[in-house]
C-alpha atoms as a PDB file:
ATOM      1  CA  UNK A   1     137.036 128.779  72.095  1.00  0.00           C
ATOM      2  CA  UNK A   2     137.142 131.870  74.278  1.00  0.00           C
ATOM      3  CA  UNK A   3     136.021 131.552  77.895  1.00  0.00           C
ATOM      4  CA  UNK A   4     133.038 133.880  77.439  1.00  0.00           C
ATOM      5  CA  UNK A   5     131.840 131.804  74.469  1.00  0.00           C
ATOM      6  CA  UNK A   6     132.370 128.555  76.351  1.00  0.00           C
ATOM      7  CA  UNK A   7     130.394 129.937  79.305  1.00  0.00           C
ATOM      8  CA  UNK A   8     127.536 131.042  77.011  1.00  0.00           C
ATOM      9  CA  UNK A   9     127.491 127.640  75.294  1.00  0.00           C
ATOM     10  CA  UNK A  10     127.437 125.791  78.616  1.00  0.00           C
ATOM     11  CA  UNK A  11     124.490 127.879  79.781  1.00  0.00           C
ATOM     12  CA  UNK A  12     122.694 127.144  76.515  1.00  0.00           C
ATOM     13  CA  UNK A  13     123.349 123.413  76.864  1.00  0.00           C
ATOM     14  CA  UNK A  14     121.737 123.506  80.299  1.00  0.00           C
ATOM     15  CA  UNK A  15     118.662 125.278  78.927  1.00  0.00           C
ATOM     16  CA  UNK A  16     118.416 122.871  75.973  1.00  0.00           C
ATOM     17  CA  UNK A  17     118.263 119.927  78.355  1.00  0.00           C
ATOM     18  CA  UNK A  18     115.137 121.358  79.957  1.00  0.00           C
ATOM     19  CA  UNK A  19     111.699 120.216  78.875  1.00  0.00           C
ATOM     20  CA  UNK A  20     110.309 123.662  78.000  1.00  0.00           C
ATOM     21  CA  UNK A  21     109.519 125.686  74.908  1.00  0.00           C
ATOM     22  CA  UNK A  22     112.630 127.725  75.587  1.00  0.00           C
ATOM     23  CA  UNK A  23     114.649 124.507  75.873  1.00  0.00           C
ATOM     24  CA  UNK A  24     113.309 123.346  72.506  1.00  0.00           C
ATOM     25  CA  UNK A  25     114.266 126.647  70.878  1.00  0.00           C
ATOM     26  CA  UNK A  26     117.773 126.542  72.321  1.00  0.00           C
ATOM     27  CA  UNK A  27     118.099 122.905  71.244  1.00  0.00           C
ATOM     28  CA  UNK A  28     117.146 123.965  67.701  1.00  0.00           C
ATOM     29  CA  UNK A  29     119.903 126.586  67.802  1.00  0.00           C
ATOM     30  CA  UNK A  30     122.572 124.158  69.037  1.00  0.00           C
ATOM     31  CA  UNK A  31     121.515 121.329  66.731  1.00  0.00           C
ATOM     32  CA  UNK A  32     121.477 123.627  63.696  1.00  0.00           C
ATOM     33  CA  UNK A  33     125.147 124.276  64.433  1.00  0.00           C
ATOM     34  CA  UNK A  34     125.898 120.621  65.150  1.00  0.00           C
ATOM     35  CA  UNK A  35     124.247 119.266  61.983  1.00  0.00           C
ATOM     36  CA  UNK A  36     121.499 121.305  60.323  1.00  0.00           C
ATOM     37  CA  UNK A  37     121.066 118.765  57.536  1.00  0.00           C
ATOM     38  CA  UNK A  38     120.203 116.044  60.023  1.00  0.00           C
ATOM     39  CA  UNK A  39     118.556 118.046  62.802  1.00  0.00           C
ATOM     40  CA  UNK A  40     116.997 121.047  61.065  1.00  0.00           C
ATOM     41  CA  UNK A  41     117.693 124.742  61.103  1.00  0.00           C
ATOM     42  CA  UNK A  42     117.026 127.537  63.528  1.00  0.00           C
ATOM     43  CA  UNK A  43     114.178 129.997  63.074  1.00  0.00           C
ATOM     44  CA  UNK A  44     115.540 133.435  63.941  1.00  0.00           C
ATOM     45  CA  UNK A  45     112.101 134.538  65.125  1.00  0.00           C
ATOM     46  CA  UNK A  46     112.628 132.158  68.048  1.00  0.00           C
ATOM     47  CA  UNK A  47     114.977 134.771  69.511  1.00  0.00           C
ATOM     48  CA  UNK A  48     111.840 136.689  70.490  1.00  0.00           C
ATOM     49  CA  UNK A  49     110.565 133.642  72.381  1.00  0.00           C
ATOM     50  CA  UNK A  50     113.469 133.107  74.755  1.00  0.00           C
ATOM     51  CA  UNK A  51     114.581 135.132  77.757  1.00  0.00           C
ATOM     52  CA  UNK A  52     116.843 138.043  76.895  1.00  0.00           C
ATOM     53  CA  UNK A  53     119.792 136.444  78.713  1.00  0.00           C
ATOM     54  CA  UNK A  54     119.377 133.287  76.637  1.00  0.00           C
ATOM     55  CA  UNK A  55     119.143 135.345  73.439  1.00  0.00           C
ATOM     56  CA  UNK A  56     122.352 137.146  74.418  1.00  0.00           C
ATOM     57  CA  UNK A  57     124.106 133.800  74.936  1.00  0.00           C
ATOM     58  CA  UNK A  58     122.926 132.709  71.491  1.00  0.00           C
ATOM     59  CA  UNK A  59     124.242 135.981  70.042  1.00  0.00           C
ATOM     60  CA  UNK A  60     127.598 135.413  71.767  1.00  0.00           C
ATOM     61  CA  UNK A  61     127.964 131.973  70.211  1.00  0.00           C
ATOM     62  CA  UNK A  62     126.706 133.150  66.815  1.00  0.00           C
ATOM     63  CA  UNK A  63     129.053 136.143  66.765  1.00  0.00           C
ATOM     64  CA  UNK A  64     131.994 133.932  67.689  1.00  0.00           C
ATOM     65  CA  UNK A  65     131.088 131.524  64.869  1.00  0.00           C
ATOM     66  CA  UNK A  66     130.817 134.394  62.392  1.00  0.00           C
ATOM     67  CA  UNK A  67     134.327 135.574  63.249  1.00  0.00           C
ATOM     68  CA  UNK A  68     135.973 132.169  62.950  1.00  0.00           C
ATOM     69  CA  UNK A  69     137.735 131.342  59.685  1.00  0.00           C
ATOM     70  CA  UNK A  70     136.733 127.688  59.982  1.00  0.00           C
ATOM     71  CA  UNK A  71     133.504 126.440  61.489  1.00  0.00           C
ATOM     72  CA  UNK A  72     134.305 124.538  64.668  1.00  0.00           C
ATOM     73  CA  UNK A  73     131.833 122.054  66.037  1.00  0.00           C
ATOM     74  CA  UNK A  74     131.677 121.767  69.825  1.00  0.00           C
ATOM     75  CA  UNK A  75     133.161 118.252  69.968  1.00  0.00           C
ATOM     76  CA  UNK A  76     134.187 118.777  73.602  1.00  0.00           C
ATOM     77  CA  UNK A  77     130.459 118.817  74.349  1.00  0.00           C
ATOM     78  CA  UNK A  78     129.493 115.796  72.267  1.00  0.00           C
ATOM     79  CA  UNK A  79     128.011 113.952  75.253  1.00  0.00           C
ATOM     80  CA  UNK A  80     125.785 116.873  76.192  1.00  0.00           C
ATOM     81  CA  UNK A  81     124.725 117.350  72.581  1.00  0.00           C
ATOM     82  CA  UNK A  82     123.896 113.651  72.247  1.00  0.00           C
ATOM     83  CA  UNK A  83     121.621 114.059  75.291  1.00  0.00           C
ATOM     84  CA  UNK A  84     119.901 116.973  73.551  1.00  0.00           C
ATOM     85  CA  UNK A  85     119.493 114.891  70.395  1.00  0.00           C
ATOM     86  CA  UNK A  86     117.999 112.046  72.432  1.00  0.00           C
ATOM     87  CA  UNK A  87     115.533 114.449  74.075  1.00  0.00           C
ATOM     88  CA  UNK A  88     114.528 116.567  71.081  1.00  0.00           C
ATOM     89  CA  UNK A  89     115.347 114.394  68.040  1.00  0.00           C
ATOM     90  CA  UNK A  90     114.941 110.808  69.235  1.00  0.00           C
ATOM     91  CA  UNK A  91     114.438 109.603  65.641  1.00  0.00           C
ATOM     92  CA  UNK A  92     117.883 110.898  64.597  1.00  0.00           C
ATOM     93  CA  UNK A  93     121.160 109.089  64.853  1.00  0.00           C
ATOM     94  CA  UNK A  94     123.852 110.769  66.965  1.00  0.00           C
ATOM     95  CA  UNK A  95     126.806 109.720  64.844  1.00  0.00           C
END
């Protein structure tokens, strides 16, 4: 993962751990990547409901994913993602 993508993802993880509407929307974005079948998808209209900097970070991650030949899950950030699951999807299993 390129540094600029890693930086954008780390900023998004921080936002997703916040207890705000923006945090919920970012969590939806991250969890749709992690496991959409288990955690739900991402509504693209939510891009209009986050700060422009956050939307740009989402676009950075999305663009990187679109250019990859194989979809890579952010396993290096499993702990942070499990925290997001616990906050926003407490009924779901993390495994």
